[in-house]
């Protein structure tokens, strides 16, 4: 796993050419309080990761964000 900046994620999304999945793994409280949501992100709360791991395409570049 490599930590990347939001600018790097935006750059890679804008350049295209690669399949990308964004996973929003913020807690329910943090997600509910935020007015910032990544368009098209898969919502997987940290306490439900094992239950939803199959929702993530492992052939994609996966970006996970949390608080």
PDB file of N, CA and C in Angstrom:
ATOM      1  N   UNK A   1       0.838  -1.160   0.000  1.00  0.00           N
ATOM      2  CA  UNK A   1       0.000   0.000   0.000  1.00  0.00           C
ATOM      3  C   UNK A   1       0.893   1.237   0.000  1.00  0.00           C
ATOM      4  N   UNK A   2       0.527   2.204  -0.811  1.00  0.00           N
ATOM      5  CA  UNK A   2       1.284   3.434  -0.930  1.00  0.00           C
ATOM      6  C   UNK A   2       0.368   4.616  -0.655  1.00  0.00           C
ATOM      7  N   UNK A   3       0.816   5.544   0.155  1.00  0.00           N
ATOM      8  CA  UNK A   3       0.046   6.749   0.443  1.00  0.00           C
ATOM      9  C   UNK A   3       0.258   7.738  -0.699  1.00  0.00           C
ATOM     10  N   UNK A   4      -0.855   8.277  -1.231  1.00  0.00           N
ATOM     11  CA  UNK A   4      -0.776   9.271  -2.297  1.00  0.00           C
ATOM     12  C   UNK A   4      -1.618  10.476  -1.916  1.00  0.00           C
ATOM     13  N   UNK A   5      -1.295  11.602  -2.498  1.00  0.00           N
ATOM     14  CA  UNK A   5      -2.037  12.828  -2.226  1.00  0.00           C
ATOM     15  C   UNK A   5      -3.318  12.871  -3.055  1.00  0.00           C
ATOM     16  N   UNK A   6      -4.222  13.724  -2.640  1.00  0.00           N
ATOM     17  CA  UNK A   6      -5.452  13.910  -3.411  1.00  0.00           C
ATOM     18  C   UNK A   6      -5.134  14.444  -4.798  1.00  0.00           C
ATOM     19  N   UNK A   7      -4.077  15.239  -4.896  1.00  0.00           N
ATOM     20  CA  UNK A   7      -3.671  15.763  -6.203  1.00  0.00           C
ATOM     21  C   UNK A   7      -3.235  14.633  -7.138  1.00  0.00           C
ATOM     22  N   UNK A   8      -2.535  13.646  -6.593  1.00  0.00           N
ATOM     23  CA  UNK A   8      -2.117  12.490  -7.401  1.00  0.00           C
ATOM     24  C   UNK A   8      -3.330  11.690  -7.872  1.00  0.00           C
ATOM     25  N   UNK A   9      -4.296  11.496  -6.994  1.00  0.00           N
ATOM     26  CA  UNK A   9      -5.518  10.769  -7.379  1.00  0.00           C
ATOM     27  C   UNK A   9      -6.247  11.539  -8.470  1.00  0.00           C
ATOM     28  N   UNK A  10      -6.415  12.841  -8.284  1.00  0.00           N
ATOM     29  CA  UNK A  10      -7.093  13.652  -9.295  1.00  0.00           C
ATOM     30  C   UNK A  10      -6.365  13.586 -10.634  1.00  0.00           C
ATOM     31  N   UNK A  11      -5.050  13.669 -10.602  1.00  0.00           N
ATOM     32  CA  UNK A  11      -4.258  13.597 -11.828  1.00  0.00           C
ATOM     33  C   UNK A  11      -4.493  12.278 -12.552  1.00  0.00           C
ATOM     34  N   UNK A  12      -4.452  11.190 -11.813  1.00  0.00           N
ATOM     35  CA  UNK A  12      -4.633   9.873 -12.438  1.00  0.00           C
ATOM     36  C   UNK A  12      -6.051   9.698 -12.970  1.00  0.00           C
ATOM     37  N   UNK A  13      -7.035  10.229 -12.270  1.00  0.00           N
ATOM     38  CA  UNK A  13      -8.409  10.147 -12.755  1.00  0.00           C
ATOM     39  C   UNK A  13      -8.586  10.973 -14.029  1.00  0.00           C
ATOM     40  N   UNK A  14      -7.990  12.154 -14.060  1.00  0.00           N
ATOM     41  CA  UNK A  14      -8.128  13.040 -15.224  1.00  0.00           C
ATOM     42  C   UNK A  14      -7.378  12.534 -16.445  1.00  0.00           C
ATOM     43  N   UNK A  15      -6.250  11.874 -16.232  1.00  0.00           N
ATOM     44  CA  UNK A  15      -5.475  11.347 -17.356  1.00  0.00           C
ATOM     45  C   UNK A  15      -6.172  10.178 -18.017  1.00  0.00           C
ATOM     46  N   UNK A  16      -6.937   9.427 -17.240  1.00  0.00           N
ATOM     47  CA  UNK A  16      -7.625   8.265 -17.788  1.00  0.00           C
ATOM     48  C   UNK A  16      -6.634   7.170 -18.152  1.00  0.00           C
ATOM     49  N   UNK A  17      -7.096   6.182 -18.852  1.00  0.00           N
ATOM     50  CA  UNK A  17      -6.221   5.119 -19.304  1.00  0.00           C
ATOM     51  C   UNK A  17      -6.026   3.987 -18.316  1.00  0.00           C
ATOM     52  N   UNK A  18      -6.565   4.126 -17.129  1.00  0.00           N
ATOM     53  CA  UNK A  18      -6.461   3.043 -16.160  1.00  0.00           C
ATOM     54  C   UNK A  18      -7.792   2.914 -15.426  1.00  0.00           C
ATOM     55  N   UNK A  19      -8.111   1.697 -15.057  1.00  0.00           N
ATOM     56  CA  UNK A  19      -9.335   1.451 -14.308  1.00  0.00           C
ATOM     57  C   UNK A  19      -9.068   1.756 -12.842  1.00  0.00           C
ATOM     58  N   UNK A  20      -9.946   2.566 -12.257  1.00  0.00           N
ATOM     59  CA  UNK A  20      -9.758   3.037 -10.890  1.00  0.00           C
ATOM     60  C   UNK A  20     -11.019   2.766 -10.079  1.00  0.00           C
ATOM     61  N   UNK A  21     -10.836   2.313  -8.860  1.00  0.00           N
ATOM     62  CA  UNK A  21     -11.919   2.198  -7.891  1.00  0.00           C
ATOM     63  C   UNK A  21     -11.539   3.031  -6.682  1.00  0.00           C
ATOM     64  N   UNK A  22     -12.483   3.851  -6.225  1.00  0.00           N
ATOM     65  CA  UNK A  22     -12.276   4.632  -5.014  1.00  0.00           C
ATOM     66  C   UNK A  22     -13.152   4.035  -3.924  1.00  0.00           C
ATOM     67  N   UNK A  23     -12.542   3.759  -2.790  1.00  0.00           N
ATOM     68  CA  UNK A  23     -13.257   3.195  -1.645  1.00  0.00           C
ATOM     69  C   UNK A  23     -13.279   4.241  -0.536  1.00  0.00           C
ATOM     70  N   UNK A  24     -14.478   4.592  -0.093  1.00  0.00           N
ATOM     71  CA  UNK A  24     -14.653   5.508   1.027  1.00  0.00           C
ATOM     72  C   UNK A  24     -14.801   4.652   2.282  1.00  0.00           C
ATOM     73  N   UNK A  25     -13.767   4.630   3.109  1.00  0.00           N
ATOM     74  CA  UNK A  25     -13.798   3.779   4.296  1.00  0.00           C
ATOM     75  C   UNK A  25     -13.899   4.583   5.595  1.00  0.00           C
ATOM     76  N   UNK A  26     -14.483   5.764   5.492  1.00  0.00           N
ATOM     77  CA  UNK A  26     -14.662   6.562   6.699  1.00  0.00           C
ATOM     78  C   UNK A  26     -15.711   5.930   7.608  1.00  0.00           C
ATOM     79  N   UNK A  27     -15.593   6.215   8.885  1.00  0.00           N
ATOM     80  CA  UNK A  27     -16.588   5.732   9.842  1.00  0.00           C
ATOM     81  C   UNK A  27     -17.944   6.321   9.490  1.00  0.00           C
ATOM     82  N   UNK A  28     -19.004   5.706   9.981  1.00  0.00           N
ATOM     83  CA  UNK A  28     -20.345   6.218   9.711  1.00  0.00           C
ATOM     84  C   UNK A  28     -20.481   7.664  10.167  1.00  0.00           C
ATOM     85  N   UNK A  29     -19.927   7.983  11.333  1.00  0.00           N
ATOM     86  CA  UNK A  29     -20.016   9.345  11.868  1.00  0.00           C
ATOM     87  C   UNK A  29     -19.290  10.327  10.962  1.00  0.00           C
ATOM     88  N   UNK A  30     -18.062  10.001  10.567  1.00  0.00           N
ATOM     89  CA  UNK A  30     -17.285  10.897   9.713  1.00  0.00           C
ATOM     90  C   UNK A  30     -17.944  11.067   8.351  1.00  0.00           C
ATOM     91  N   UNK A  31     -18.465   9.996   7.797  1.00  0.00           N
ATOM     92  CA  UNK A  31     -19.140  10.058   6.503  1.00  0.00           C
ATOM     93  C   UNK A  31     -20.384  10.936   6.594  1.00  0.00           C
ATOM     94  N   UNK A  32     -21.172  10.725   7.640  1.00  0.00           N
ATOM     95  CA  UNK A  32     -22.415  11.471   7.811  1.00  0.00           C
ATOM     96  C   UNK A  32     -22.196  12.955   8.043  1.00  0.00           C
ATOM     97  N   UNK A  33     -21.100  13.313   8.690  1.00  0.00           N
ATOM     98  CA  UNK A  33     -20.822  14.713   9.005  1.00  0.00           C
ATOM     99  C   UNK A  33     -20.166  15.469   7.850  1.00  0.00           C
ATOM    100  N   UNK A  34     -19.687  14.759   6.859  1.00  0.00           N
ATOM    101  CA  UNK A  34     -18.942  15.388   5.769  1.00  0.00           C
ATOM    102  C   UNK A  34     -19.862  15.787   4.624  1.00  0.00           C
ATOM    103  N   UNK A  35     -19.569  16.947   4.044  1.00  0.00           N
ATOM    104  CA  UNK A  35     -20.289  17.342   2.837  1.00  0.00           C
ATOM    105  C   UNK A  35     -19.470  17.025   1.593  1.00  0.00           C
ATOM    106  N   UNK A  36     -18.331  16.370   1.784  1.00  0.00           N
ATOM    107  CA  UNK A  36     -17.463  15.988   0.675  1.00  0.00           C
ATOM    108  C   UNK A  36     -17.590  14.485   0.444  1.00  0.00           C
ATOM    109  N   UNK A  37     -18.020  14.122  -0.742  1.00  0.00           N
ATOM    110  CA  UNK A  37     -18.172  12.719  -1.119  1.00  0.00           C
ATOM    111  C   UNK A  37     -17.535  12.536  -2.494  1.00  0.00           C
ATOM    112  N   UNK A  38     -16.740  11.502  -2.665  1.00  0.00           N
ATOM    113  CA  UNK A  38     -16.121  11.222  -3.960  1.00  0.00           C
ATOM    114  C   UNK A  38     -17.164  10.592  -4.882  1.00  0.00           C
ATOM    115  N   UNK A  39     -17.368  11.186  -6.028  1.00  0.00           N
ATOM    116  CA  UNK A  39     -18.338  10.668  -6.986  1.00  0.00           C
ATOM    117  C   UNK A  39     -17.940   9.267  -7.425  1.00  0.00           C
ATOM    118  N   UNK A  40     -18.882   8.351  -7.352  1.00  0.00           N
ATOM    119  CA  UNK A  40     -18.644   6.987  -7.798  1.00  0.00           C
ATOM    120  C   UNK A  40     -17.904   6.104  -6.819  1.00  0.00           C
ATOM    121  N   UNK A  41     -17.591   6.620  -5.633  1.00  0.00           N
ATOM    122  CA  UNK A  41     -16.861   5.821  -4.647  1.00  0.00           C
ATOM    123  C   UNK A  41     -17.736   4.703  -4.098  1.00  0.00           C
ATOM    124  N   UNK A  42     -17.097   3.603  -3.782  1.00  0.00           N
ATOM    125  CA  UNK A  42     -17.771   2.493  -3.108  1.00  0.00           C
ATOM    126  C   UNK A  42     -17.683   2.766  -1.614  1.00  0.00           C
ATOM    127  N   UNK A  43     -18.791   2.742  -0.931  1.00  0.00           N
ATOM    128  CA  UNK A  43     -18.829   3.017   0.506  1.00  0.00           C
ATOM    129  C   UNK A  43     -18.644   1.705   1.262  1.00  0.00           C
ATOM    130  N   UNK A  44     -17.520   1.573   1.976  1.00  0.00           N
ATOM    131  CA  UNK A  44     -17.247   0.385   2.783  1.00  0.00           C
ATOM    132  C   UNK A  44     -16.740   0.848   4.153  1.00  0.00           C
ATOM    133  N   UNK A  45     -17.627   0.925   5.145  1.00  0.00           N
ATOM    134  CA  UNK A  45     -17.187   1.316   6.485  1.00  0.00           C
ATOM    135  C   UNK A  45     -16.132   0.331   6.999  1.00  0.00           C
ATOM    136  N   UNK A  46     -15.200   0.813   7.812  1.00  0.00           N
ATOM    137  CA  UNK A  46     -14.093  -0.050   8.254  1.00  0.00           C
ATOM    138  C   UNK A  46     -14.535  -1.325   8.970  1.00  0.00           C
ATOM    139  N   UNK A  47     -15.640  -1.275   9.681  1.00  0.00           N
ATOM    140  CA  UNK A  47     -16.101  -2.463  10.400  1.00  0.00           C
ATOM    141  C   UNK A  47     -16.854  -3.442   9.497  1.00  0.00           C
ATOM    142  N   UNK A  48     -16.999  -3.105   8.213  1.00  0.00           N
ATOM    143  CA  UNK A  48     -17.677  -3.987   7.263  1.00  0.00           C
ATOM    144  C   UNK A  48     -16.773  -4.394   6.100  1.00  0.00           C
ATOM    145  N   UNK A  49     -15.477  -4.170   6.222  1.00  0.00           N
ATOM    146  CA  UNK A  49     -14.543  -4.418   5.118  1.00  0.00           C
ATOM    147  C   UNK A  49     -14.592  -5.859   4.626  1.00  0.00           C
ATOM    148  N   UNK A  50     -14.553  -6.808   5.525  1.00  0.00           N
ATOM    149  CA  UNK A  50     -14.561  -8.218   5.097  1.00  0.00           C
ATOM    150  C   UNK A  50     -15.836  -8.579   4.356  1.00  0.00           C
ATOM    151  N   UNK A  51     -16.942  -8.010   4.763  1.00  0.00           N
ATOM    152  CA  UNK A  51     -18.237  -8.316   4.146  1.00  0.00           C
ATOM    153  C   UNK A  51     -18.324  -7.774   2.720  1.00  0.00           C
ATOM    154  N   UNK A  52     -17.595  -6.689   2.415  1.00  0.00           N
ATOM    155  CA  UNK A  52     -17.728  -6.036   1.121  1.00  0.00           C
ATOM    156  C   UNK A  52     -16.483  -6.124   0.234  1.00  0.00           C
ATOM    157  N   UNK A  53     -15.496  -6.866   0.630  1.00  0.00           N
ATOM    158  CA  UNK A  53     -14.247  -6.920  -0.136  1.00  0.00           C
ATOM    159  C   UNK A  53     -14.477  -7.399  -1.575  1.00  0.00           C
ATOM    160  N   UNK A  54     -15.480  -8.226  -1.781  1.00  0.00           N
ATOM    161  CA  UNK A  54     -15.765  -8.727  -3.127  1.00  0.00           C
ATOM    162  C   UNK A  54     -16.306  -7.627  -4.043  1.00  0.00           C
ATOM    163  N   UNK A  55     -16.737  -6.491  -3.475  1.00  0.00           N
ATOM    164  CA  UNK A  55     -17.240  -5.371  -4.272  1.00  0.00           C
ATOM    165  C   UNK A  55     -16.120  -4.613  -4.972  1.00  0.00           C
ATOM    166  N   UNK A  56     -14.881  -4.877  -4.572  1.00  0.00           N
ATOM    167  CA  UNK A  56     -13.735  -4.152  -5.108  1.00  0.00           C
ATOM    168  C   UNK A  56     -13.071  -4.988  -6.199  1.00  0.00           C
ATOM    169  N   UNK A  57     -12.960  -4.423  -7.385  1.00  0.00           N
ATOM    170  CA  UNK A  57     -12.313  -5.109  -8.497  1.00  0.00           C
ATOM    171  C   UNK A  57     -10.799  -5.087  -8.269  1.00  0.00           C
ATOM    172  N   UNK A  58     -10.224  -6.220  -8.062  1.00  0.00           N
ATOM    173  CA  UNK A  58      -8.797  -6.295  -7.743  1.00  0.00           C
ATOM    174  C   UNK A  58      -7.894  -6.023  -8.943  1.00  0.00           C
ATOM    175  N   UNK A  59      -8.467  -5.927 -10.123  1.00  0.00           N
ATOM    176  CA  UNK A  59      -7.678  -5.572 -11.304  1.00  0.00           C
ATOM    177  C   UNK A  59      -7.545  -4.058 -11.461  1.00  0.00           C
ATOM    178  N   UNK A  60      -8.350  -3.297 -10.724  1.00  0.00           N
ATOM    179  CA  UNK A  60      -8.307  -1.831 -10.777  1.00  0.00           C
ATOM    180  C   UNK A  60      -7.198  -1.306  -9.871  1.00  0.00           C
ATOM    181  N   UNK A  61      -6.822  -0.051 -10.119  1.00  0.00           N
ATOM    182  CA  UNK A  61      -6.019   0.679  -9.146  1.00  0.00           C
ATOM    183  C   UNK A  61      -7.014   1.114  -8.075  1.00  0.00           C
ATOM    184  N   UNK A  62      -6.802   0.734  -6.852  1.00  0.00           N
ATOM    185  CA  UNK A  62      -7.747   1.021  -5.779  1.00  0.00           C
ATOM    186  C   UNK A  62      -7.196   2.111  -4.880  1.00  0.00           C
ATOM    187  N   UNK A  63      -7.993   3.158  -4.701  1.00  0.00           N
ATOM    188  CA  UNK A  63      -7.656   4.242  -3.788  1.00  0.00           C
ATOM    189  C   UNK A  63      -8.658   4.192  -2.642  1.00  0.00           C
ATOM    190  N   UNK A  64      -8.138   4.130  -1.438  1.00  0.00           N
ATOM    191  CA  UNK A  64      -8.988   4.074  -0.240  1.00  0.00           C
ATOM    192  C   UNK A  64      -8.758   5.356   0.535  1.00  0.00           C
ATOM    193  N   UNK A  65      -9.854   5.974   0.967  1.00  0.00           N
ATOM    194  CA  UNK A  65      -9.662   7.140   1.827  1.00  0.00           C
ATOM    195  C   UNK A  65     -10.480   6.998   3.093  1.00  0.00           C
ATOM    196  N   UNK A  66      -9.936   7.566   4.148  1.00  0.00           N
ATOM    197  CA  UNK A  66     -10.547   7.477   5.462  1.00  0.00           C
ATOM    198  C   UNK A  66     -10.177   8.726   6.254  1.00  0.00           C
ATOM    199  N   UNK A  67     -10.612   8.769   7.491  1.00  0.00           N
ATOM    200  CA  UNK A  67     -10.275   9.912   8.353  1.00  0.00           C
ATOM    201  C   UNK A  67      -9.229   9.514   9.354  1.00  0.00           C
TER     202      UNK A  67
END
